[in-house]
Amino acid sequence: MMARRIYVGSLFYELNENDVKIPFSAFGVITKVDMPREPTGRSKGFCFIEYATEEAADAAIKTMNGFMLAGR
């Protein structure tokens, strides 16, 4: 069984949930973006994206692995 939740790391700290959601939504319906933040409100530089289907999550991993978003 594949997972519907993927890890996205090495994110530019100023990105927000919507900045990440836009390119990743090309693979399917995103049900949740969990972006942990520092007490200052700044992103910790990673997030988890949850898709409605395992196939969408798998397609995102295969396509976006190594992809640079906002130069990082």
Protein backbone atom coordinates (compact mmCIF):
# COMPACT_ATOMS: atom_id res chain seq x y z
CA MET A 1 0.00 0.00 0.00
CA MET A 2 1.33 3.40 -1.01
CA ALA A 3 0.94 6.45 1.18
CA ARG A 4 -1.08 9.54 0.32
CA ARG A 5 1.17 11.84 2.40
CA ILE A 6 4.52 13.01 1.02
CA TYR A 7 7.44 14.92 2.51
CA VAL A 8 8.79 18.01 0.75
CA GLY A 9 12.11 19.27 2.08
CA SER A 10 14.68 22.00 1.54
CA LEU A 11 12.03 24.68 1.04
CA PHE A 12 12.83 28.37 0.90
CA TYR A 13 11.84 29.71 4.34
CA GLU A 14 9.64 32.51 2.99
CA LEU A 15 7.33 30.14 1.07
CA ASN A 16 3.84 29.59 2.42
CA GLU A 17 1.38 26.72 2.04
CA ASN A 18 -0.18 28.15 -1.11
CA ASP A 19 3.24 28.59 -2.77
CA VAL A 20 3.84 24.86 -2.34
CA LYS A 21 0.28 23.80 -3.11
CA ILE A 22 0.16 25.43 -6.55
CA PRO A 23 2.86 23.33 -8.30
CA PHE A 24 1.96 20.13 -6.43
CA SER A 25 -1.76 20.36 -7.24
CA ALA A 26 -0.98 19.36 -10.83
CA PHE A 27 -0.86 15.73 -9.67
CA GLY A 28 -4.27 15.53 -7.98
CA VAL A 29 -6.48 16.88 -5.25
CA ILE A 30 -4.52 18.02 -2.20
CA THR A 31 -6.45 17.52 1.03
CA LYS A 32 -3.91 19.08 3.40
CA VAL A 33 -0.61 20.95 3.51
CA ASP A 34 1.13 20.76 6.89
CA MET A 35 3.98 23.29 7.07
CA PRO A 36 5.60 23.43 10.53
CA ARG A 37 6.68 26.90 11.59
CA GLU A 38 9.19 28.43 13.97
CA PRO A 39 7.78 30.47 16.91
CA THR A 40 8.57 33.55 14.80
CA GLY A 41 6.11 32.33 12.13
CA ARG A 42 8.84 31.48 9.63
CA SER A 43 8.63 28.11 7.89
CA LYS A 44 10.99 25.41 9.16
CA GLY A 45 11.89 24.67 5.52
CA PHE A 46 9.82 21.53 4.97
CA CYS A 47 6.22 20.41 4.72
CA PHE A 48 3.96 17.42 4.27
CA ILE A 49 1.40 17.29 1.47
CA GLU A 50 -1.55 14.93 1.69
CA TYR A 51 -3.34 13.87 -1.48
CA ALA A 52 -6.81 12.40 -1.92
CA THR A 53 -5.34 9.36 -3.69
CA GLU A 54 -2.20 7.26 -3.45
CA GLU A 55 -1.73 7.56 -7.22
CA ALA A 56 -1.51 11.35 -7.01
CA ALA A 57 1.07 11.14 -4.22
CA ASP A 58 3.12 8.62 -6.21
CA ALA A 59 3.00 10.82 -9.34
CA ALA A 60 4.13 13.85 -7.32
CA ILE A 61 7.07 11.96 -5.84
CA LYS A 62 8.18 10.59 -9.22
CA THR A 63 7.88 13.94 -10.98
CA MET A 64 8.96 16.44 -8.33
CA ASN A 65 11.90 14.55 -6.80
CA GLY A 66 14.86 16.90 -7.26
CA PHE A 67 12.69 19.78 -8.51
CA MET A 68 13.82 23.22 -7.35
CA LEU A 69 11.10 25.52 -6.04
CA ALA A 70 12.01 29.21 -5.61
CA GLY A 71 15.66 28.39 -6.28
CA ARG A 72 16.06 25.80 -3.55
